[in-house]
């Protein structure tokens, strides 16, 4: 059996993390180590984790002296991991019992280093719904330059693949898994498990995605980071669509000036696409 290192970044989630831990303890695949990285919590998170670790020696507690963000916590977990495979779980989400087994079976059968999956989502009520993660498979670098893809709790990644891309980007305010997936897809083929393997709990108000301005700035950061690859691999219209999306996100956050600026960029690239399409000499060039 292959050891899987499961990394849970957490910050002040003492009232919720027990569900995440229990969902791992009850996995049908048992050859795991559970690395809980406490990102400077000031609540009873350490006490809650200690109660579990006393009963299950697979649980390891890593503590940061300061709050540096989820990506920094994940990097600490990756560096501490001993497993051949790495998986992630947010401290207020839960895996389904056969989550790990399903994804690992797919990875080994297909001979790939990255697997992701569909999930259930909980919004403002208790009824679960399909989230609708894009079912991307194969060489999906171009597709991920056009749209976000996997969520962190859906990803199972060979540790060697993570080591090849280096540390996760700790500067991103949001859409951190999108950036990670893009970097992996440049090197690796992906497989997809169409059945839900975890429950994505969106009811908490302290999530990054619940902060509209942070969400908009995070999307903007990823687009700026990959602007040239988006142009080269996906074209002018793809970049225009990203600026349109960023504009919409800034409007939702009440940042009208920023939204208008992004909208101007979207219009500029659409206009440029139209002009280039009228030049017969360049008709063979991908725009």
Protein backbone atom coordinates (compact mmCIF):
# COMPACT_ATOMS: atom_id res chain seq x y z
CA UNK A 1 0.00 0.00 0.00
CA UNK A 2 1.09 3.58 -0.66
CA UNK A 3 1.27 6.01 2.24
CA UNK A 4 -0.92 9.06 1.64
CA UNK A 5 -0.20 12.29 3.52
CA UNK A 6 -3.36 14.28 4.16
CA UNK A 7 -2.80 17.95 4.89
CA UNK A 8 -5.38 20.02 6.76
CA UNK A 9 -4.59 23.72 7.09
CA UNK A 10 -6.62 25.32 9.86
CA UNK A 11 -7.10 28.63 11.62
CA UNK A 12 -9.51 29.06 14.53
CA UNK A 13 -11.66 26.11 13.49
CA UNK A 14 -11.78 24.31 16.84
CA UNK A 15 -15.56 24.15 16.53
CA UNK A 16 -15.50 22.49 13.10
CA UNK A 17 -12.27 20.57 12.55
CA UNK A 18 -13.48 17.46 14.40
CA UNK A 19 -15.78 16.60 11.46
CA UNK A 20 -12.88 16.86 9.00
CA UNK A 21 -10.65 14.64 11.16
CA UNK A 22 -13.36 12.04 11.69
CA UNK A 23 -14.01 11.85 7.96
CA UNK A 24 -10.37 10.86 7.46
CA UNK A 25 -10.24 8.43 10.36
CA UNK A 26 -13.21 6.60 8.85
CA UNK A 27 -11.72 6.27 5.36
CA UNK A 28 -11.82 2.81 3.78
CA UNK A 29 -8.17 3.38 2.81
CA UNK A 30 -6.20 3.40 6.06
CA UNK A 31 -2.52 3.79 5.12
CA UNK A 32 -2.44 7.52 5.82
CA UNK A 33 -0.81 10.17 7.93
CA UNK A 34 -2.89 13.18 8.91
CA UNK A 35 -0.90 16.41 9.10
CA UNK A 36 -2.86 19.21 10.73
CA UNK A 37 -1.14 22.56 10.24
CA UNK A 38 -2.39 25.14 12.72
CA UNK A 39 -1.88 28.55 11.14
CA UNK A 40 -1.59 30.49 14.39
CA UNK A 41 -5.00 29.73 15.92
CA UNK A 42 -6.03 31.54 19.09
CA UNK A 43 -9.00 29.29 19.94
CA UNK A 44 -9.06 25.68 21.22
CA UNK A 45 -7.95 24.07 17.93
CA UNK A 46 -4.81 22.59 19.54
CA UNK A 47 -6.85 21.00 22.35
CA UNK A 48 -9.35 19.49 19.91
CA UNK A 49 -6.57 18.00 17.76
CA UNK A 50 -4.72 16.68 20.82
CA UNK A 51 -7.80 14.72 21.89
CA UNK A 52 -7.79 12.96 18.50
CA UNK A 53 -4.02 12.40 18.32
CA UNK A 54 -4.03 10.64 21.68
CA UNK A 55 -6.30 7.99 20.18
CA UNK A 56 -4.83 7.84 16.66
CA UNK A 57 -1.06 7.95 16.16
CA UNK A 58 -1.51 8.75 12.46
CA UNK A 59 -2.39 12.34 13.43
CA UNK A 60 0.46 14.86 13.53
CA UNK A 61 0.09 18.45 14.71
CA UNK A 62 2.25 21.21 13.19
CA UNK A 63 1.92 24.74 14.56
CA UNK A 64 2.85 28.08 13.01
CA UNK A 65 3.67 30.89 15.42
CA UNK A 66 1.92 33.42 13.19
CA UNK A 67 -1.08 33.45 10.85
CA UNK A 68 0.42 33.29 7.35
CA UNK A 69 -2.49 31.97 5.31
CA UNK A 70 -3.70 28.63 3.98
CA UNK A 71 -1.07 28.32 1.24
CA UNK A 72 1.77 28.78 3.71
CA UNK A 73 0.16 26.16 5.95
CA UNK A 74 -0.14 23.74 3.03
CA UNK A 75 3.53 24.28 2.19
CA UNK A 76 4.45 23.46 5.79
CA UNK A 77 2.39 20.29 5.52
CA UNK A 78 3.96 19.25 2.22
CA UNK A 79 7.45 19.68 3.65
CA UNK A 80 6.52 17.54 6.66
CA UNK A 81 4.82 14.84 4.56
CA UNK A 82 6.36 11.37 4.31
CA UNK A 83 3.79 9.92 1.91
CA UNK A 84 4.13 9.01 -1.72
CA UNK A 85 0.85 10.82 -2.34
CA UNK A 86 -0.48 14.14 -1.04
CA UNK A 87 -4.13 15.02 -0.48
CA UNK A 88 -5.72 18.13 1.01
CA UNK A 89 -8.78 18.75 3.12
CA UNK A 90 -10.01 22.10 4.43
CA UNK A 91 -10.81 22.05 8.13
CA UNK A 92 -14.53 22.69 7.67
CA UNK A 93 -15.09 20.20 4.82
CA UNK A 94 -15.52 16.42 4.95
CA UNK A 95 -14.46 13.49 2.81
CA UNK A 96 -16.90 10.71 2.00
CA UNK A 97 -15.75 7.32 3.41
CA UNK A 98 -14.32 5.92 0.16
CA UNK A 99 -12.93 9.25 -1.09
CA UNK A 100 -9.28 8.35 -0.88
CA UNK A 101 -9.68 4.78 -2.10
CA UNK A 102 -11.61 5.87 -5.20
CA UNK A 103 -9.09 8.49 -6.25
CA UNK A 104 -6.04 6.36 -5.55
CA UNK A 105 -7.47 3.43 -7.53
CA UNK A 106 -8.06 5.73 -10.51
CA UNK A 107 -4.57 7.22 -10.27
CA UNK A 108 -2.83 3.83 -10.12
CA UNK A 109 -4.96 2.29 -12.88
CA UNK A 110 -4.42 5.24 -15.25
CA UNK A 111 -0.79 5.78 -14.29
CA UNK A 112 -1.26 9.49 -13.62
CA UNK A 113 0.11 11.73 -10.89
CA UNK A 114 -2.97 13.93 -10.43
CA UNK A 115 -6.61 12.99 -9.80
CA UNK A 116 -9.53 15.25 -8.94
CA UNK A 117 -13.23 14.66 -8.43
CA UNK A 118 -16.76 15.97 -8.19
CA UNK A 119 -18.22 16.92 -4.79
CA UNK A 120 -21.38 17.71 -2.91
CA UNK A 121 -21.84 21.32 -1.81
CA UNK A 122 -23.70 22.69 1.21
CA UNK A 123 -24.82 26.28 0.81
CA UNK A 124 -27.35 28.05 3.07
CA UNK A 125 -29.32 24.93 3.92
CA UNK A 126 -28.68 21.31 4.81
CA UNK A 127 -29.60 19.79 1.44
CA UNK A 128 -26.59 18.67 -0.61
CA UNK A 129 -26.21 19.61 -4.27
CA UNK A 130 -23.75 18.68 -7.00
CA UNK A 131 -21.10 21.39 -7.17
CA UNK A 132 -20.29 20.96 -10.85
CA UNK A 133 -16.50 20.79 -10.91
CA UNK A 134 -15.39 20.80 -14.58
CA UNK A 135 -14.71 17.12 -15.50
CA UNK A 136 -11.30 17.87 -16.98
CA UNK A 137 -9.07 14.96 -17.96
CA UNK A 138 -5.87 14.39 -19.86
CA UNK A 139 -3.60 17.26 -20.84
CA UNK A 140 -5.72 20.13 -19.60
CA UNK A 141 -3.25 23.02 -19.40
CA UNK A 142 -5.07 25.04 -22.07
CA UNK A 143 -8.47 24.37 -20.47
CA UNK A 144 -7.24 25.50 -17.06
CA UNK A 145 -5.90 28.71 -18.57
CA UNK A 146 -9.49 29.37 -19.65
CA UNK A 147 -11.34 28.50 -16.45
CA UNK A 148 -10.85 27.39 -12.83
CA UNK A 149 -10.94 23.66 -12.25
CA UNK A 150 -10.30 21.37 -9.27
CA UNK A 151 -10.81 22.30 -5.62
CA UNK A 152 -8.10 21.44 -3.09
CA UNK A 153 -10.14 18.74 -1.28
CA UNK A 154 -10.68 16.99 -4.63
CA UNK A 155 -6.99 16.73 -5.48
CA UNK A 156 -4.81 13.65 -4.97
CA UNK A 157 -1.27 14.37 -6.16
CA UNK A 158 1.93 12.35 -6.28
CA UNK A 159 4.40 14.08 -3.99
CA UNK A 160 7.05 14.01 -6.73
CA UNK A 161 4.72 16.05 -8.97
CA UNK A 162 4.31 18.69 -6.25
CA UNK A 163 8.04 18.81 -5.67
CA UNK A 164 8.60 19.49 -9.38
CA UNK A 165 6.46 22.65 -9.34
CA UNK A 166 7.98 24.00 -6.12
CA UNK A 167 6.20 25.73 -3.25
CA UNK A 168 2.56 26.71 -3.58
CA UNK A 169 2.14 30.43 -4.24
CA UNK A 170 1.59 32.11 -0.86
CA UNK A 171 0.85 35.56 -2.31
CA UNK A 172 -2.51 34.69 -3.86
CA UNK A 173 -5.55 36.01 -1.99
CA UNK A 174 -8.00 33.52 -3.54
CA UNK A 175 -8.27 30.94 -6.35
CA UNK A 176 -5.19 29.26 -4.91
CA UNK A 177 -6.20 25.81 -6.16
CA UNK A 178 -6.64 27.20 -9.68
CA UNK A 179 -3.04 28.40 -9.70
CA UNK A 180 -1.82 25.06 -8.31
CA UNK A 181 -3.78 23.11 -10.92
CA UNK A 182 -2.40 25.26 -13.77
CA UNK A 183 1.17 24.65 -12.61
CA UNK A 184 0.58 20.90 -12.32
CA UNK A 185 -1.21 20.68 -15.68
CA UNK A 186 1.77 22.17 -17.47
CA UNK A 187 3.64 18.96 -16.60
CA UNK A 188 1.04 16.33 -15.73
CA UNK A 189 -2.03 14.62 -17.16
CA UNK A 190 -5.13 14.63 -14.95
CA UNK A 191 -7.85 12.05 -14.29
CA UNK A 192 -11.35 12.81 -13.01
CA UNK A 193 -13.67 10.88 -10.69
CA UNK A 194 -17.25 11.86 -11.66
CA UNK A 195 -18.86 10.77 -8.39
CA UNK A 196 -18.60 13.09 -5.36
CA UNK A 197 -15.78 12.23 -2.98
CA UNK A 198 -16.21 15.05 -0.46
CA UNK A 199 -18.63 17.60 0.97
CA UNK A 200 -17.73 21.23 0.30
CA UNK A 201 -19.27 23.29 3.09
CA UNK A 202 -19.92 26.86 1.91
CA UNK A 203 -22.08 27.90 4.86
CA UNK A 204 -19.28 29.50 6.87
CA UNK A 205 -19.00 33.28 6.66
CA UNK A 206 -15.24 33.31 7.24
CA UNK A 207 -14.31 31.55 4.02
CA UNK A 208 -12.06 33.32 1.51
CA UNK A 209 -14.81 32.89 -1.08
CA UNK A 210 -17.24 34.70 1.24
CA UNK A 211 -15.13 37.86 0.99
CA UNK A 212 -16.19 39.35 -2.34
CA UNK A 213 -13.29 41.80 -2.70
CA UNK A 214 -10.71 39.19 -1.75
CA UNK A 215 -12.31 36.83 -4.26
CA UNK A 216 -12.09 39.45 -7.03
CA UNK A 217 -8.49 40.33 -6.26
CA UNK A 218 -7.50 36.66 -6.17
CA UNK A 219 -9.02 36.04 -9.60
CA UNK A 220 -7.27 39.14 -10.88
CA UNK A 221 -3.93 37.90 -9.49
CA UNK A 222 -4.20 34.56 -11.30
CA UNK A 223 -5.14 36.22 -14.61
CA UNK A 224 -2.23 38.64 -14.36
CA UNK A 225 0.15 35.84 -13.43
CA UNK A 226 -0.79 33.80 -16.53
CA UNK A 227 -1.65 36.62 -18.95
CA UNK A 228 0.98 35.64 -21.52
CA UNK A 229 0.29 31.85 -21.41
CA UNK A 230 -3.44 32.62 -21.74
CA UNK A 231 -2.76 34.74 -24.82
CA UNK A 232 -0.47 32.16 -26.39
CA UNK A 233 -2.47 29.01 -25.67
CA UNK A 234 -6.07 30.23 -25.49
CA UNK A 235 -6.13 33.51 -27.40
CA UNK A 236 -7.35 37.09 -27.10
CA UNK A 237 -10.98 36.24 -26.47
CA UNK A 238 -10.08 33.97 -23.56
CA UNK A 239 -8.17 36.82 -21.93
CA UNK A 240 -11.07 39.19 -22.64
CA UNK A 241 -13.44 36.76 -20.90
CA UNK A 242 -11.20 36.69 -17.85
CA UNK A 243 -11.21 40.48 -17.62
CA UNK A 244 -15.00 40.39 -18.02
CA UNK A 245 -15.22 37.94 -15.11
CA UNK A 246 -12.91 40.04 -12.95
CA UNK A 247 -15.03 43.09 -13.73
CA UNK A 248 -18.17 41.25 -12.63
CA UNK A 249 -16.48 40.17 -9.39
CA UNK A 250 -15.37 43.72 -8.59
CA UNK A 251 -18.90 45.02 -9.27
CA UNK A 252 -20.23 42.39 -6.84
CA UNK A 253 -17.72 43.64 -4.26
CA UNK A 254 -18.90 47.24 -4.72
CA UNK A 255 -15.62 48.34 -6.35
CA UNK A 256 -17.06 50.18 -9.35
CA UNK A 257 -13.82 51.91 -10.44
CA UNK A 258 -11.87 48.64 -10.46
CA UNK A 259 -14.74 46.92 -12.27
CA UNK A 260 -14.79 49.58 -14.99
CA UNK A 261 -11.02 49.32 -15.43
CA UNK A 262 -11.26 45.55 -15.96
CA UNK A 263 -14.17 46.02 -18.35
CA UNK A 264 -12.06 48.40 -20.46
CA UNK A 265 -9.39 45.71 -20.72
CA UNK A 266 -11.99 43.18 -21.82
CA UNK A 267 -13.24 45.57 -24.52
CA UNK A 268 -9.70 46.31 -25.66
CA UNK A 269 -8.87 42.65 -26.25
CA UNK A 270 -12.18 42.00 -28.02
CA UNK A 271 -11.52 44.95 -30.31
CA UNK A 272 -7.99 43.77 -30.98
CA UNK A 273 -9.33 40.31 -31.85
CA UNK A 274 -11.76 41.83 -34.34
CA UNK A 275 -9.04 43.94 -35.98
CA UNK A 276 -6.63 41.03 -36.31
CA UNK A 277 -9.31 38.78 -37.78
CA UNK A 278 -9.70 41.27 -40.65
CA UNK A 279 -6.05 41.01 -41.66
CA UNK A 280 -5.71 38.22 -44.25
CA UNK A 281 -1.95 38.00 -43.76
CA UNK A 282 -2.51 36.98 -40.15
CA UNK A 283 -5.49 34.75 -40.73
CA UNK A 284 -3.39 31.62 -40.05
CA UNK A 285 -2.17 32.90 -36.70
CA UNK A 286 -4.03 31.83 -33.54
CA UNK A 287 -5.52 34.87 -31.82
